[in-house]
Amino acid sequence: MSDLTLLIIAISLFIGTHELLSHPLRAPIVRAVGEKGFLPIYALTALGTLFWAMQLWKGIPQDRLWQAPGWLYAAALVVMLVAAILFVGSVTAPNPALMGGGAPGASGPRGVQRITRHPMMWAFALWALVHITLSADSRTIVLASGLAFLALFGSAMQDKKKRAANPDYGRHMAATSFVPFGMQLSGRSPLGTIFPGWVAVGGGLLVWAVILWGHPLVIGVPAIQGF
């Protein structure tokens, strides 16, 4: 069995156990061991399978299936800036779409939630898309595709679960979009609602700049290339 096949198995286990523990298995395990007992089970399972996947990724020789054109690197910088803004906005304000994120506000979605109700998950998905497109590397395609699938499929499952448990969440879904900028592009929200607020923009720019600076130091590859 090749290391790439093992990586596919590892990332599949990471996704599968995450979804099982987040949804069908969560309630029975919590009943058996309590919420405090469930959290370490969830965390250790997620970290263990992800660690295995990352170790396999490191051990697989890098290849290149295609060569991305220079303009795509420039576009990727913009996409990563959007991802950074979505991520910062998701952690600097309560988000009803997240576990423990609280109830939807009476005044409707604010900040990055007016762009998408799953800003953190879309930040991960956009990161994955950029790395799949630019790396053209089999091991990275497997790893990043798995993370993108988990982010977006998990978000859809979370919507379904929260809407069934709370009618107010259904109204929140009607006032937001799953796909980024979907409300604005469809004309259901004015274009002015695209602006996520200065905290998200300022923090996102800072995170983006740190990533550009630290990428060659941590990953060994400059983030700005291809021009």
Protein backbone atom coordinates (compact mmCIF):
# COMPACT_ATOMS: atom_id res chain seq x y z
CA MET A 1 0.00 0.00 0.00
CA SER A 2 1.48 3.35 -1.05
CA ASP A 3 1.95 6.26 1.32
CA LEU A 4 -0.50 8.30 -0.77
CA THR A 5 -3.17 5.61 -0.27
CA LEU A 6 -2.44 5.66 3.46
CA LEU A 7 -2.84 9.45 3.40
CA ILE A 8 -6.25 9.06 1.74
CA ILE A 9 -7.22 6.58 4.49
CA ALA A 10 -5.92 8.89 7.24
CA ILE A 11 -7.74 12.00 6.00
CA SER A 12 -10.90 9.92 5.45
CA LEU A 13 -10.71 8.76 9.07
CA PHE A 14 -10.21 12.34 10.19
CA ILE A 15 -13.34 13.44 8.30
CA GLY A 16 -15.42 10.38 9.19
CA THR A 17 -14.70 10.38 12.91
CA HIS A 18 -15.26 14.13 13.07
CA GLU A 19 -18.71 13.84 11.49
CA LEU A 20 -19.68 10.80 13.57
CA LEU A 21 -18.61 12.42 16.83
CA SER A 22 -20.19 15.74 15.90
CA HIS A 23 -23.59 14.29 15.03
CA PRO A 24 -24.89 10.68 15.51
CA LEU A 25 -22.43 9.58 18.21
CA ARG A 26 -22.30 12.81 20.21
CA ALA A 27 -25.54 12.39 22.18
CA PRO A 28 -24.99 8.74 23.26
CA ILE A 29 -21.38 9.41 24.27
CA VAL A 30 -22.37 12.51 26.25
CA ARG A 31 -25.07 10.45 28.02
CA ALA A 32 -22.48 7.82 28.90
CA VAL A 33 -19.53 9.97 29.99
CA GLY A 34 -20.89 13.52 30.23
CA GLU A 35 -19.86 16.63 28.31
CA LYS A 36 -16.51 16.82 30.10
CA GLY A 37 -15.78 13.23 29.18
CA PHE A 38 -16.83 13.70 25.58
CA LEU A 39 -14.56 16.68 24.83
CA PRO A 40 -11.23 14.82 25.36
CA ILE A 41 -12.51 11.89 23.27
CA TYR A 42 -13.43 14.28 20.47
CA ALA A 43 -10.19 16.25 20.69
CA LEU A 44 -7.87 13.23 20.90
CA THR A 45 -9.58 11.51 17.99
CA ALA A 46 -9.38 14.63 15.80
CA LEU A 47 -5.79 15.45 16.74
CA GLY A 48 -4.65 11.84 16.43
CA THR A 49 -6.04 11.29 12.94
CA LEU A 50 -4.89 14.73 11.73
CA PHE A 51 -1.40 14.16 13.17
CA TRP A 52 -1.19 10.83 11.34
CA ALA A 53 -2.27 12.51 8.10
CA MET A 54 0.29 15.31 8.53
CA GLN A 55 3.12 12.86 9.22
CA LEU A 56 2.22 10.88 6.10
CA TRP A 57 2.06 14.14 4.10
CA LYS A 58 5.57 15.08 5.21
CA GLY A 59 6.96 11.70 4.17
CA ILE A 60 5.54 11.70 0.62
CA PRO A 61 7.86 13.13 -2.07
CA GLN A 62 6.52 16.29 -3.65
CA ASP A 63 5.41 16.12 -7.27
CA ARG A 64 3.79 18.61 -9.67
CA LEU A 65 0.83 17.69 -11.85
CA TRP A 66 0.54 21.09 -13.56
CA GLN A 67 2.16 24.53 -13.55
CA ALA A 68 -0.02 27.42 -12.40
CA PRO A 69 0.31 30.63 -14.47
CA GLY A 70 1.65 33.77 -12.86
CA TRP A 71 -1.70 35.57 -12.79
CA LEU A 72 -3.14 32.78 -10.64
CA TYR A 73 -0.59 33.54 -7.92
CA ALA A 74 -1.76 37.15 -7.90
CA ALA A 75 -5.40 36.02 -7.65
CA ALA A 76 -4.46 33.64 -4.84
CA LEU A 77 -3.06 36.53 -2.79
CA VAL A 78 -6.46 38.24 -2.99
CA VAL A 79 -8.32 35.03 -2.11
CA MET A 80 -6.05 34.48 0.91
CA LEU A 81 -6.69 38.06 2.05
CA VAL A 82 -10.44 37.36 1.90
CA ALA A 83 -9.87 34.12 3.84
CA ALA A 84 -7.87 35.98 6.51
CA ILE A 85 -10.60 38.62 6.89
CA LEU A 86 -13.29 35.93 7.17
CA PHE A 87 -11.25 34.05 9.78
CA VAL A 88 -10.55 37.10 11.94
CA GLY A 89 -14.18 38.18 11.68
CA SER A 90 -15.30 34.71 12.76
CA VAL A 91 -13.26 34.76 15.98
CA THR A 92 -13.90 38.38 16.99
CA ALA A 93 -17.71 38.21 17.13
CA PRO A 94 -20.23 35.57 18.23
CA ASN A 95 -21.35 33.30 15.40
CA PRO A 96 -24.64 31.38 15.76
CA ALA A 97 -23.47 28.86 13.14
CA LEU A 98 -20.67 27.58 15.39
CA MET A 99 -21.12 25.16 18.28
CA GLY A 100 -21.59 27.28 21.37
CA GLY A 101 -21.86 30.40 19.21
CA GLY A 102 -25.05 31.60 20.88
CA ALA A 103 -28.47 32.41 19.49
CA PRO A 104 -29.01 34.55 16.38
CA GLY A 105 -29.22 38.26 17.16
CA ALA A 106 -32.55 40.05 16.89
CA SER A 107 -30.96 42.69 14.65
CA GLY A 108 -29.85 40.14 12.08
CA PRO A 109 -26.38 39.09 10.89
CA ARG A 110 -23.50 41.50 11.31
CA GLY A 111 -19.89 41.74 10.14
CA VAL A 112 -18.53 38.81 8.17
CA GLN A 113 -21.78 36.92 8.77
CA ARG A 114 -23.36 39.22 6.18
CA ILE A 115 -20.87 37.74 3.71
CA THR A 116 -21.37 34.12 4.76
CA ARG A 117 -22.83 32.52 7.86
CA HIS A 118 -19.83 30.16 7.98
CA PRO A 119 -16.86 32.55 7.74
CA MET A 120 -14.39 30.30 9.59
CA MET A 121 -15.19 27.23 7.51
CA TRP A 122 -14.99 29.20 4.27
CA ALA A 123 -11.62 30.59 5.37
CA PHE A 124 -10.36 26.99 5.62
CA ALA A 125 -11.98 26.05 2.32
CA LEU A 126 -10.44 29.03 0.49
CA TRP A 127 -7.03 28.18 1.98
CA ALA A 128 -7.45 24.63 0.67
CA LEU A 129 -8.50 25.82 -2.79
CA VAL A 130 -5.45 28.08 -3.08
CA HIS A 131 -3.05 25.31 -2.05
CA ILE A 132 -4.63 22.73 -4.35
CA THR A 133 -4.45 25.11 -7.32
CA LEU A 134 -0.94 26.43 -6.81
CA SER A 135 0.85 23.38 -5.42
CA ALA A 136 -0.42 20.88 -8.04
CA ASP A 137 1.04 18.36 -5.61
CA SER A 138 -0.69 14.97 -5.16
CA ARG A 139 -0.16 14.81 -1.39
CA THR A 140 -1.37 18.39 -0.90
CA ILE A 141 -4.40 17.84 -3.13
CA VAL A 142 -5.47 14.88 -0.97
CA LEU A 143 -4.90 16.68 2.34
CA ALA A 144 -6.38 20.03 1.33
CA SER A 145 -9.37 18.44 -0.44
CA GLY A 146 -10.19 16.53 2.72
CA LEU A 147 -10.02 19.66 4.85
CA ALA A 148 -12.16 21.62 2.37
CA PHE A 149 -14.76 18.84 2.26
CA LEU A 150 -14.91 18.67 6.04
CA ALA A 151 -15.28 22.45 6.33
CA LEU A 152 -18.12 22.76 3.82
CA PHE A 153 -19.95 19.46 4.42
CA GLY A 154 -19.62 19.97 8.17
CA SER A 155 -21.09 23.47 7.81
CA ALA A 156 -24.08 22.12 5.89
CA MET A 157 -24.65 19.43 8.53
CA GLN A 158 -24.38 22.04 11.28
CA ASP A 159 -27.03 24.16 9.54
CA LYS A 160 -29.38 21.19 9.36
CA LYS A 161 -28.84 20.30 13.02
CA LYS A 162 -29.24 23.86 14.31
CA ARG A 163 -32.32 24.59 12.18
CA ALA A 164 -34.03 21.47 13.54
CA ALA A 165 -33.25 22.48 17.12
CA ASN A 166 -34.05 26.19 16.92
CA PRO A 167 -36.60 27.93 14.62
CA ASP A 168 -34.71 31.21 15.07
CA TYR A 169 -31.75 29.63 13.31
CA GLY A 170 -33.93 29.04 10.26
CA ARG A 171 -34.62 32.77 10.14
CA HIS A 172 -30.88 33.40 10.49
CA MET A 173 -30.27 31.13 7.49
CA ALA A 174 -32.82 33.06 5.45
CA ALA A 175 -30.99 36.31 6.23
CA THR A 176 -27.53 34.97 5.39
CA SER A 177 -25.82 33.06 2.63
CA PHE A 178 -23.91 29.79 2.71
CA VAL A 179 -21.71 30.78 -0.27
CA PRO A 180 -19.65 33.96 0.32
CA PHE A 181 -21.25 37.11 -1.13
CA GLY A 182 -24.31 35.12 -2.18
CA MET A 183 -26.75 37.60 -0.62
CA GLN A 184 -25.14 40.56 -2.38
CA LEU A 185 -24.71 38.87 -5.77
CA SER A 186 -28.32 37.67 -5.75
CA GLY A 187 -29.56 41.17 -4.92
CA ARG A 188 -31.08 40.15 -1.58
CA SER A 189 -28.69 42.45 0.29
CA PRO A 190 -27.21 45.80 -0.81
CA LEU A 191 -23.59 45.80 -1.96
CA GLY A 192 -22.68 47.94 1.06
CA THR A 193 -23.18 44.94 3.35
CA ILE A 194 -20.04 43.37 1.85
CA PHE A 195 -17.89 45.49 4.20
CA PRO A 196 -17.23 43.27 7.25
CA GLY A 197 -16.10 45.99 9.69
CA TRP A 198 -12.76 47.51 10.55
CA VAL A 199 -11.79 44.88 13.13
CA ALA A 200 -12.12 42.07 10.60
CA VAL A 201 -10.38 44.07 7.85
CA GLY A 202 -7.54 45.32 10.05
CA GLY A 203 -7.01 41.98 11.74
CA GLY A 204 -7.27 40.14 8.43
CA LEU A 205 -4.63 42.37 6.84
CA LEU A 206 -2.32 41.73 9.78
CA VAL A 207 -2.83 37.94 9.63
CA TRP A 208 -2.35 38.01 5.84
CA ALA A 209 0.90 39.97 6.17
CA VAL A 210 2.22 37.57 8.84
CA ILE A 211 1.40 34.60 6.58
CA LEU A 212 3.25 36.18 3.65
CA TRP A 213 6.25 36.89 5.87
CA GLY A 214 6.28 33.54 7.69
CA HIS A 215 5.42 31.19 4.82
CA PRO A 216 9.00 30.71 3.56
CA LEU A 217 10.30 30.37 7.13
CA VAL A 218 7.78 27.68 8.16
CA ILE A 219 6.94 25.94 4.88
CA GLY A 220 10.15 26.63 2.97
CA VAL A 221 8.33 28.11 -0.04
CA PRO A 222 7.71 31.84 -0.59
CA ALA A 223 4.02 32.77 -0.69
CA ILE A 224 4.65 35.41 -3.38
CA GLN A 225 6.00 33.75 -6.51
CA GLY A 226 5.14 33.00 -10.11
CA PHE A 227 5.37 36.59 -11.37
